[in-house]
Amino acid sequence: MKISQLYFKILAAFVVVQVLAVLAIVLLVRIGKIQPPPTRHAEERTDELREILREELAGRRQLGPALERRLDDVLGIYVRAFEGYAWVTDDHGRTVAKSFPGNPPLSGTEEIKFSRDTPAGGKLYLLERGPNAEEKNMYGVTLVPFHGAVLTVHVLHQWGKHREEVWFFKGLLLMGTLSALMLIPISRRISRPINQLTDSAEHLARGDFSPRVDTNRQDEVGRLARTFNHMAENLEKMIRGGRELTANLSHELRSPLARIRISQQIIRDRLDSGRTDGVAKHVAKMEAEIDHMDGLIDKILRLSKFDLQDPGPREDAIDLNDFIEEAVQRQQPLMERKAMTVRRVASSLPAYRCRAEDIRMVLDNVLANAVKYGPENGEITVESLAGEEALTVAVSNPYPPLTAQELEALFTPFKRLGYDDVEGNGLGLAFARRIVEDHGGTMSASSTNGTFRMTLLLPLD
């Protein structure tokens, strides 16, 4: 089983956290905020023995052989629980009771590592004993009043020889081991979608935009996966659109080039035969075709700039109704040739902040589309309405019903209604929608009851 690098990073972070926690505990012990277990146990045992002796001495007038033997038994029973030593001395330092045979185990040469007072008025010491100071002991001292005299209680036991502490550290070791093992499936659960993202990214680098990653997770990794899928879908659409644009552009350029070539051949044939009649007409056709291609390339370049650079800030404050009226006037010659009329439905509009030249181009494209595809003697309706958050511009003209797919295709570059019999290149509406979307708005088309309607929604920023 291969362990991922992510696992080792998580494990390292876990170990660092554990080490910092232990260091924090050690620091708190050193400054006295908390007591280590051996110190706490020594204090508790000394205090407990003091209370036991108080009860044994209650009602007694003086120490005697019988009472001292009784205290010996009490001390012996008590120290069995922790394998230590306990003894009691009087004001003169005489040992009056003890839990062991012989003299007290302290010689007075022990090294004191630290000492501190207890809340009950006693004293705790950490001692190092033995020839090489290899044995550590906790030594607790406390006082018991007895009829005007004071008895001193002594408790001595080894440091770190407590089962509960041993079990605690064993449990800590076991918990750390289990945590390390449990991190394996956790790290795999985290690394699996990341590995999928890596594989999908490698596919993208090779030009394959089809792979997607699982998005069922609701955490940060799931959010990253959804963002990645969205990016892959957009890239796929952009690449597909670029390929379609190239194919359509080739078709659009091939037709005028073919017509130019035909005109060129006719001119050459006539010049070879010494004739000049009709040459000017064919030259004019070639110039018109060249102008058409030049305009087409200019539109494509301007459309591409929306993907390659920021169009710039919207610094112009315009009266949209005035812009609509100007756009209608620019379409007036073509409308007169087709005997078309315009009906205006306009309300008072607030100033609209935009890029004025871009909005002028949008209105020209939308109105030109209505005039171009509207029937002769038809009526075009142009509405401009103000809402609380946006301005609405709608242009309607008679046209046969269109399907939802056909309506959406209108905004695809080089897609046109009446492709064979209507002049144009299919870039105008695509360009207009990109401009509207860049202004934070929407541009949509609808077809109901023989009426085609183009709607612009322009938010008021």
Protein backbone atom coordinates (compact mmCIF):
# COMPACT_ATOMS: atom_id res chain seq x y z
CA MET A 1 0.00 0.00 0.00
CA LYS A 2 1.47 3.31 -1.10
CA ILE A 3 1.26 6.09 1.47
CA SER A 4 0.67 9.49 -0.08
CA GLN A 5 2.69 12.59 0.73
CA LEU A 6 -0.50 14.19 2.00
CA TYR A 7 -0.67 11.51 4.71
CA PHE A 8 2.81 12.35 5.95
CA LYS A 9 1.95 16.05 5.98
CA ILE A 10 -1.19 15.42 8.02
CA LEU A 11 0.72 13.07 10.34
CA ALA A 12 3.50 15.64 10.75
CA ALA A 13 0.92 18.31 11.57
CA PHE A 14 -0.69 15.94 14.11
CA VAL A 15 2.69 15.21 15.74
CA VAL A 16 3.57 18.91 15.87
CA VAL A 17 0.25 19.68 17.55
CA GLN A 18 0.83 16.90 20.10
CA VAL A 19 4.37 18.12 20.82
CA LEU A 20 3.17 21.71 21.25
CA ALA A 21 0.44 20.51 23.61
CA VAL A 22 2.99 18.58 25.71
CA LEU A 23 5.33 21.59 25.77
CA ALA A 24 2.45 23.80 26.87
CA ILE A 25 1.65 21.39 29.72
CA VAL A 26 5.31 21.29 30.75
CA LEU A 27 5.43 25.09 30.76
CA LEU A 28 2.29 25.30 32.89
CA VAL A 29 3.82 22.81 35.31
CA ARG A 30 7.05 24.77 35.45
CA ILE A 31 5.31 28.05 36.28
CA GLY A 32 3.07 26.33 38.82
CA LYS A 33 -0.27 26.72 37.05
CA ILE A 34 -0.89 22.97 37.14
CA GLN A 35 0.64 20.13 39.15
CA PRO A 36 2.23 17.04 37.61
CA PRO A 37 0.53 13.79 38.70
CA PRO A 38 3.33 12.64 41.08
CA THR A 39 3.31 15.99 42.89
CA ARG A 40 -0.46 15.97 43.15
CA HIS A 41 -0.49 12.41 44.47
CA ALA A 42 2.19 13.17 47.05
CA GLU A 43 0.21 16.15 48.32
CA GLU A 44 -3.05 14.16 48.42
CA ARG A 45 -1.44 11.23 50.25
CA THR A 46 0.19 13.48 52.83
CA ASP A 47 -3.10 15.31 53.46
CA GLU A 48 -5.06 12.04 53.63
CA LEU A 49 -2.66 10.56 56.17
CA ARG A 50 -2.87 13.75 58.25
CA GLU A 51 -6.67 13.44 58.41
CA ILE A 52 -6.46 9.74 59.30
CA LEU A 53 -4.07 10.49 62.15
CA ARG A 54 -6.32 13.31 63.40
CA GLU A 55 -9.18 10.85 63.69
CA GLU A 56 -6.98 8.31 65.48
CA LEU A 57 -5.73 10.93 67.95
CA ALA A 58 -9.15 12.43 68.62
CA GLY A 59 -10.09 11.94 72.27
CA ARG A 60 -6.60 10.77 73.28
CA ARG A 61 -4.82 12.68 76.04
CA GLN A 62 -1.21 11.61 75.48
CA LEU A 63 0.99 9.29 73.49
CA GLY A 64 1.77 5.94 75.01
CA PRO A 65 3.05 2.52 73.88
CA ALA A 66 -0.44 1.26 73.00
CA LEU A 67 -1.28 4.34 70.92
CA GLU A 68 2.10 4.29 69.20
CA ARG A 69 1.62 0.63 68.20
CA ARG A 70 -1.85 1.53 66.90
CA LEU A 71 -0.35 4.34 64.83
CA ASP A 72 2.33 1.93 63.53
CA ASP A 73 -0.41 -0.36 62.24
CA VAL A 74 -2.32 2.53 60.63
CA LEU A 75 0.80 3.77 58.86
CA GLY A 76 1.71 0.26 57.69
CA ILE A 77 -1.73 -0.35 56.23
CA TYR A 78 -1.79 3.04 54.51
CA VAL A 79 1.58 2.81 52.73
CA ARG A 80 0.81 -0.61 51.25
CA ALA A 81 -1.27 1.14 48.58
CA PHE A 82 1.76 2.92 47.09
CA GLU A 83 4.79 1.03 48.47
CA GLY A 84 6.22 3.99 50.34
CA TYR A 85 7.29 5.02 53.82
CA ALA A 86 5.43 6.96 56.50
CA TRP A 87 6.45 8.04 59.96
CA VAL A 88 5.47 10.52 62.68
CA THR A 89 7.84 12.57 64.86
CA ASP A 90 7.18 14.75 67.91
CA ASP A 91 8.45 18.23 68.82
CA HIS A 92 11.85 16.79 69.80
CA GLY A 93 12.33 14.87 66.55
CA ARG A 94 11.67 11.49 68.18
CA THR A 95 9.95 8.96 65.93
CA VAL A 96 6.71 8.02 67.67
CA ALA A 97 5.22 5.86 64.89
CA LYS A 98 6.43 4.37 61.60
CA SER A 99 5.42 1.94 58.87
CA PHE A 100 8.83 0.22 58.58
CA PRO A 101 11.40 -1.37 60.86
CA GLY A 102 14.58 0.49 61.70
CA ASN A 103 15.39 4.14 61.28
CA PRO A 104 13.74 6.61 58.86
CA PRO A 105 15.10 6.21 55.29
CA LEU A 106 16.34 9.80 55.00
CA SER A 107 19.98 10.51 55.83
CA GLY A 108 19.99 14.27 55.34
CA THR A 109 22.40 14.09 52.38
CA GLU A 110 19.70 13.92 49.70
CA GLU A 111 19.70 16.56 46.97
CA ILE A 112 16.55 18.66 46.82
CA LYS A 113 15.51 19.24 43.19
CA PHE A 114 12.55 21.44 44.06
CA SER A 115 10.23 22.22 46.95
CA ARG A 116 6.95 24.04 47.39
CA ASP A 117 4.34 24.77 50.06
CA THR A 118 0.97 23.03 50.04
CA PRO A 119 -2.40 24.75 50.63
CA ALA A 120 -2.79 22.78 53.89
CA GLY A 121 0.39 24.26 55.38
CA GLY A 122 2.72 21.38 54.53
CA LYS A 123 5.75 21.08 52.33
CA LEU A 124 6.60 18.96 49.28
CA TYR A 125 10.10 18.04 48.09
CA LEU A 126 11.52 16.19 45.09
CA LEU A 127 14.62 14.37 46.33
CA GLU A 128 17.41 12.49 44.57
CA ARG A 129 18.73 9.60 46.66
CA GLY A 130 21.29 6.86 46.33
CA PRO A 131 25.06 6.81 45.71
CA ASN A 132 24.69 8.32 42.24
CA ALA A 133 21.42 10.19 42.86
CA GLU A 134 19.71 7.69 40.56
CA GLU A 135 16.54 7.33 42.67
CA LYS A 136 13.92 10.09 42.74
CA ASN A 137 11.47 10.37 45.63
CA MET A 138 8.59 12.61 46.58
CA TYR A 139 8.78 13.65 50.22
CA GLY A 140 5.80 15.26 51.90
CA VAL A 141 5.67 16.85 55.35
CA THR A 142 2.62 18.12 57.22
CA LEU A 143 1.68 18.96 60.83
CA VAL A 144 -0.94 17.52 63.20
CA PRO A 145 -1.73 19.48 66.44
CA PHE A 146 -1.99 17.28 69.55
CA HIS A 147 -2.80 18.84 72.98
CA GLY A 148 -0.44 21.79 72.79
CA ALA A 149 2.21 19.83 70.95
CA VAL A 150 2.74 19.38 67.21
CA LEU A 151 3.31 16.04 65.51
CA THR A 152 5.04 15.99 62.12
CA VAL A 153 3.81 13.53 59.50
CA HIS A 154 6.37 12.31 56.93
CA VAL A 155 5.47 10.50 53.67
CA LEU A 156 8.13 9.24 51.25
CA HIS A 157 7.52 7.37 47.99
CA GLN A 158 9.19 6.90 44.66
CA TRP A 159 8.64 9.36 41.82
CA GLY A 160 6.81 7.93 38.79
CA LYS A 161 5.86 4.63 40.27
CA HIS A 162 2.12 5.15 39.98
CA ARG A 163 0.07 2.78 37.91
CA GLU A 164 -2.41 5.38 36.77
CA GLU A 165 0.37 7.51 35.24
CA VAL A 166 1.87 4.48 33.51
CA TRP A 167 -1.52 3.56 32.11
CA PHE A 168 -2.07 7.16 31.08
CA PHE A 169 1.11 7.28 29.01
CA LYS A 170 0.40 3.84 27.57
CA GLY A 171 -3.05 5.08 26.60
CA LEU A 172 -1.51 8.21 25.09
CA LEU A 173 0.85 6.06 23.03
CA LEU A 174 -2.01 3.80 21.93
CA MET A 175 -4.16 6.80 21.04
CA GLY A 176 -1.34 8.29 18.97
CA THR A 177 -0.82 5.00 17.13
CA LEU A 178 -4.54 4.59 16.41
CA SER A 179 -4.73 8.21 15.27
CA ALA A 180 -1.85 7.64 12.86
CA LEU A 181 -3.61 4.58 11.44
CA MET A 182 -6.94 6.40 11.19
CA LEU A 183 -5.23 9.20 9.28
CA ILE A 184 -4.59 6.79 6.39
CA PRO A 185 -8.26 6.52 5.22
CA ILE A 186 -8.82 10.19 6.05
CA SER A 187 -5.86 11.27 3.92
CA ARG A 188 -7.01 8.94 1.14
CA ARG A 189 -10.47 10.50 1.27
CA ILE A 190 -8.89 13.94 0.96
CA SER A 191 -6.28 13.00 -1.65
CA ARG A 192 -8.62 10.99 -3.93
CA PRO A 193 -10.48 14.03 -5.35
CA ILE A 194 -7.20 15.95 -5.50
CA ASN A 195 -5.68 13.12 -7.54
CA GLN A 196 -8.76 13.20 -9.79
CA LEU A 197 -8.25 16.94 -10.23
CA THR A 198 -4.61 16.32 -11.12
CA ASP A 199 -5.53 13.65 -13.69
CA SER A 200 -8.21 15.87 -15.21
CA ALA A 201 -5.78 18.80 -15.37
CA GLU A 202 -3.31 16.58 -17.23
CA HIS A 203 -6.07 15.66 -19.69
CA LEU A 204 -6.79 19.36 -20.18
CA ALA A 205 -3.11 19.99 -20.85
CA ARG A 206 -3.25 17.33 -23.60
CA GLY A 207 -6.30 18.96 -25.17
CA ASP A 208 -8.92 16.53 -23.83
CA PHE A 209 -11.67 18.59 -22.16
CA SER A 210 -14.11 15.73 -21.48
CA PRO A 211 -12.97 14.47 -18.00
CA ARG A 212 -14.90 15.72 -14.97
CA VAL A 213 -14.36 15.17 -11.25
CA ASP A 214 -16.82 14.10 -8.56
CA THR A 215 -18.63 17.08 -7.01
CA ASN A 216 -20.66 15.29 -4.30
CA ARG A 217 -18.51 16.58 -1.43
CA GLN A 218 -19.80 19.67 0.40
CA ASP A 219 -16.43 20.87 1.74
CA GLU A 220 -13.63 22.99 0.29
CA VAL A 221 -12.43 20.12 -1.92
CA GLY A 222 -15.95 19.73 -3.34
CA ARG A 223 -16.11 23.46 -4.01
CA LEU A 224 -12.75 23.23 -5.77
CA ALA A 225 -14.04 20.29 -7.85
CA ARG A 226 -17.14 22.22 -8.92
CA THR A 227 -15.02 25.22 -9.86
CA PHE A 228 -12.69 22.98 -11.84
CA ASN A 229 -15.59 21.38 -13.72
CA HIS A 230 -17.00 24.83 -14.48
CA MET A 231 -13.60 25.92 -15.79
CA ALA A 232 -13.28 22.77 -17.93
CA GLU A 233 -16.76 23.30 -19.39
CA ASN A 234 -15.96 26.92 -20.23
CA LEU A 235 -12.65 25.93 -21.79
CA GLU A 236 -14.37 23.24 -23.82
CA LYS A 237 -16.94 25.75 -25.05
CA MET A 238 -14.23 28.27 -25.87
CA ILE A 239 -12.17 25.73 -27.81
CA ARG A 240 -15.23 24.40 -29.61
CA GLY A 241 -16.34 27.95 -30.36
CA GLY A 242 -12.87 28.80 -31.63
CA ARG A 243 -12.88 25.82 -33.95
CA GLU A 244 -16.35 26.69 -35.21
CA LEU A 245 -15.26 30.31 -35.63
CA THR A 246 -12.27 29.20 -37.70
CA ALA A 247 -14.41 26.93 -39.86
CA ASN A 248 -17.09 29.58 -40.38
CA LEU A 249 -14.50 32.26 -41.01
CA SER A 250 -12.89 30.07 -43.67
CA HIS A 251 -16.28 29.71 -45.34
CA GLU A 252 -17.06 33.42 -45.11
CA LEU A 253 -13.71 34.41 -46.59
CA ARG A 254 -13.68 31.72 -49.24
CA SER A 255 -16.83 33.05 -50.96
CA PRO A 256 -15.63 36.65 -51.55
CA LEU A 257 -12.17 35.37 -52.47
CA ALA A 258 -13.76 33.12 -55.09
CA ARG A 259 -15.72 36.05 -56.49
CA ILE A 260 -12.57 38.20 -56.55
CA ARG A 261 -10.73 35.44 -58.39
CA ILE A 262 -13.51 35.21 -60.98
CA SER A 263 -13.48 38.99 -61.51
CA GLN A 264 -9.71 38.92 -61.75
CA GLN A 265 -9.83 36.18 -64.39
CA ILE A 266 -12.44 38.09 -66.41
CA ILE A 267 -10.34 41.26 -66.30
CA ARG A 268 -7.22 39.35 -67.37
CA ASP A 269 -9.04 37.68 -70.25
CA ARG A 270 -10.35 41.02 -71.48
CA LEU A 271 -6.99 42.72 -71.20
CA ASP A 272 -5.34 39.85 -73.07
CA SER A 273 -7.87 40.27 -75.86
CA GLY A 274 -7.38 44.04 -75.91
CA ARG A 275 -10.83 44.82 -74.56
CA THR A 276 -11.51 47.22 -71.68
CA ASP A 277 -15.29 47.23 -71.61
CA GLY A 278 -16.67 45.99 -68.25
CA VAL A 279 -13.28 46.14 -66.54
CA ALA A 280 -14.30 49.03 -64.29
CA LYS A 281 -17.41 47.15 -63.21
CA HIS A 282 -15.38 44.10 -62.18
CA VAL A 283 -12.82 46.26 -60.41
CA ALA A 284 -15.66 47.85 -58.43
CA LYS A 285 -16.91 44.36 -57.51
CA MET A 286 -13.45 43.39 -56.31
CA GLU A 287 -13.23 46.55 -54.21
CA ALA A 288 -16.63 45.81 -52.69
CA GLU A 289 -15.56 42.26 -51.84
CA ILE A 290 -12.34 43.55 -50.32
CA ASP A 291 -14.28 46.07 -48.22
CA HIS A 292 -16.60 43.26 -47.12
CA MET A 293 -13.68 41.08 -46.01
CA ASP A 294 -12.01 44.02 -44.30
CA GLY A 295 -15.19 44.77 -42.35
CA LEU A 296 -15.58 41.10 -41.47
CA ILE A 297 -12.02 40.85 -40.16
CA ASP A 298 -12.47 44.09 -38.18
CA LYS A 299 -15.58 42.71 -36.48
CA ILE A 300 -13.82 39.45 -35.64
CA LEU A 301 -10.87 41.31 -34.14
CA ARG A 302 -13.14 43.51 -32.04
CA LEU A 303 -15.12 40.48 -30.88
CA SER A 304 -11.89 38.67 -29.93
CA LYS A 305 -10.72 41.62 -27.82
CA PHE A 306 -13.50 40.92 -25.34
CA ASP A 307 -11.77 37.62 -24.53
CA LEU A 308 -8.23 38.99 -24.57
CA GLN A 309 -8.45 42.28 -22.66
CA ASP A 310 -10.57 44.39 -20.34
CA PRO A 311 -12.89 46.61 -22.43
CA GLY A 312 -12.36 49.46 -19.98
CA PRO A 313 -14.46 51.41 -17.45
CA ARG A 314 -17.99 52.66 -18.11
CA GLU A 315 -17.49 56.40 -17.75
CA ASP A 316 -20.19 57.86 -20.06
CA ALA A 317 -23.57 58.97 -18.67
CA ILE A 318 -26.06 58.98 -21.56
CA ASP A 319 -29.75 59.53 -22.26
CA LEU A 320 -30.70 56.14 -23.69
CA ASN A 321 -33.82 57.52 -25.38
CA ASP A 322 -31.67 59.97 -27.37
CA PHE A 323 -29.38 57.14 -28.43
CA ILE A 324 -32.37 55.08 -29.58
CA GLU A 325 -33.71 58.00 -31.63
CA GLU A 326 -30.31 58.47 -33.29
CA ALA A 327 -30.11 54.75 -34.10
CA VAL A 328 -33.59 54.87 -35.66
CA GLN A 329 -32.53 57.83 -37.82
CA ARG A 330 -29.48 55.93 -39.06
CA GLN A 331 -31.75 53.09 -40.25
CA GLN A 332 -34.21 55.49 -41.90
CA PRO A 333 -32.91 55.14 -45.51
CA LEU A 334 -33.29 51.35 -45.51
CA MET A 335 -36.69 51.57 -43.81
CA GLU A 336 -37.89 53.99 -46.48
CA ARG A 337 -36.81 51.60 -49.26
CA LYS A 338 -38.87 48.86 -47.58
CA ALA A 339 -41.73 51.23 -46.68
CA MET A 340 -41.38 50.31 -42.99
CA THR A 341 -42.58 52.38 -40.03
CA VAL A 342 -41.42 52.69 -36.43
CA ARG A 343 -43.64 52.87 -33.35
CA ARG A 344 -41.93 54.24 -30.24
CA VAL A 345 -43.03 53.42 -26.70
CA ALA A 346 -40.80 55.45 -24.40
CA SER A 347 -40.84 56.37 -20.73
CA SER A 348 -38.63 58.82 -18.88
CA LEU A 349 -35.26 57.17 -18.24
CA PRO A 350 -32.53 58.04 -15.74
CA ALA A 351 -28.99 58.63 -16.99
CA TYR A 352 -27.32 55.35 -17.92
CA ARG A 353 -23.61 54.93 -17.24
CA CYS A 354 -21.88 52.92 -19.94
CA ARG A 355 -19.35 52.98 -22.75
CA ALA A 356 -21.29 55.14 -25.17
CA GLU A 357 -19.73 53.88 -28.42
CA ASP A 358 -20.38 50.26 -27.46
CA ILE A 359 -24.05 50.91 -26.62
CA ARG A 360 -24.45 52.84 -29.89
CA MET A 361 -23.12 49.77 -31.72
CA VAL A 362 -25.57 47.49 -29.86
CA LEU A 363 -28.58 49.64 -30.80
CA ASP A 364 -27.42 49.84 -34.44
CA ASN A 365 -27.08 46.05 -34.66
CA VAL A 366 -30.46 45.33 -33.05
CA LEU A 367 -32.34 47.87 -35.19
CA ALA A 368 -30.49 46.84 -38.37
CA ASN A 369 -31.47 43.23 -37.67
CA ALA A 370 -35.15 44.25 -37.30
CA VAL A 371 -35.11 46.26 -40.53
CA LYS A 372 -33.17 43.60 -42.45
CA TYR A 373 -35.46 40.70 -41.53
CA GLY A 374 -38.73 42.59 -41.18
CA PRO A 375 -41.21 42.41 -44.11
CA GLU A 376 -41.87 45.29 -46.49
CA ASN A 377 -44.59 47.66 -45.26
CA GLY A 378 -44.04 46.19 -41.78
CA GLU A 379 -43.96 47.98 -38.44
CA ILE A 380 -41.07 47.94 -35.97
CA THR A 381 -41.88 48.63 -32.31
CA VAL A 382 -39.13 50.11 -30.14
CA GLU A 383 -39.79 50.26 -26.38
CA SER A 384 -37.68 51.80 -23.63
CA LEU A 385 -38.81 51.35 -20.02
CA ALA A 386 -37.30 52.16 -16.63
CA GLY A 387 -37.37 49.74 -13.71
CA GLU A 388 -36.10 50.06 -10.15
CA GLU A 389 -32.81 48.31 -10.89
CA ALA A 390 -32.53 48.19 -14.70
CA LEU A 391 -33.51 49.75 -18.02
CA THR A 392 -35.33 47.65 -20.61
CA VAL A 393 -35.06 48.15 -24.38
CA ALA A 394 -37.22 45.93 -26.61
CA VAL A 395 -37.33 45.89 -30.43
CA SER A 396 -40.13 43.90 -32.12
CA ASN A 397 -40.88 43.14 -35.77
CA PRO A 398 -43.08 40.66 -37.67
CA TYR A 399 -41.34 37.35 -38.45
CA PRO A 400 -42.36 33.68 -38.77
CA PRO A 401 -42.16 31.61 -35.55
CA LEU A 402 -38.73 30.38 -34.46
CA THR A 403 -37.79 27.46 -32.19
CA ALA A 404 -35.82 27.91 -28.98
CA GLN A 405 -32.75 26.43 -30.69
CA GLU A 406 -33.05 28.87 -33.58
CA LEU A 407 -33.45 31.80 -31.19
CA GLU A 408 -30.29 30.90 -29.29
CA ALA A 409 -28.39 30.29 -32.55
CA LEU A 410 -28.94 33.94 -33.45
CA PHE A 411 -26.20 34.88 -30.98
CA THR A 412 -23.70 32.38 -32.39
CA PRO A 413 -21.10 33.95 -34.71
CA PHE A 414 -21.86 33.42 -38.44
CA LYS A 415 -25.37 32.04 -37.73
CA ARG A 416 -28.03 34.00 -39.64
CA LEU A 417 -31.73 33.90 -40.42
CA GLY A 418 -32.27 33.57 -44.16
CA TYR A 419 -28.60 32.65 -44.62
CA ASP A 420 -28.82 32.43 -48.43
CA ASP A 421 -30.94 35.44 -49.32
CA VAL A 422 -30.05 38.09 -46.73
CA GLU A 423 -26.78 39.98 -46.78
CA GLY A 424 -24.69 39.83 -43.61
CA ASN A 425 -22.09 37.80 -41.76
CA GLY A 426 -23.89 36.78 -38.55
CA LEU A 427 -21.54 38.64 -36.21
CA GLY A 428 -23.68 41.64 -35.29
CA LEU A 429 -25.93 40.06 -32.65
CA ALA A 430 -23.08 37.98 -31.20
CA PHE A 431 -21.04 41.15 -30.82
CA ALA A 432 -24.02 43.04 -29.34
CA ARG A 433 -24.70 40.38 -26.72
CA ARG A 434 -21.06 40.35 -25.62
CA ILE A 435 -21.19 44.12 -25.12
CA VAL A 436 -24.45 43.93 -23.13
CA GLU A 437 -23.10 41.12 -20.93
CA ASP A 438 -19.92 43.09 -20.32
CA HIS A 439 -22.17 45.90 -19.03
CA GLY A 440 -23.68 43.40 -16.57
CA GLY A 441 -26.92 43.01 -18.54
CA THR A 442 -28.67 40.37 -20.62
CA MET A 443 -29.79 40.16 -24.24
CA SER A 444 -32.42 37.62 -25.28
CA ALA A 445 -34.69 36.84 -28.22
CA SER A 446 -38.28 35.54 -28.21
CA SER A 447 -40.82 34.60 -30.85
CA THR A 448 -44.59 34.58 -30.21
CA ASN A 449 -47.62 34.88 -32.49
CA GLY A 450 -45.60 35.86 -35.55
CA THR A 451 -43.64 38.57 -33.73
CA PHE A 452 -39.90 38.45 -33.17
CA ARG A 453 -38.72 40.41 -30.10
CA MET A 454 -35.21 41.31 -29.00
CA THR A 455 -34.95 42.41 -25.33
CA LEU A 456 -32.03 44.21 -23.66
CA LEU A 457 -31.89 44.41 -19.87
CA LEU A 458 -29.33 47.01 -18.75
CA PRO A 459 -28.76 47.25 -14.97
CA LEU A 460 -28.43 50.64 -13.31
CA ASP A 461 -25.12 50.51 -11.42
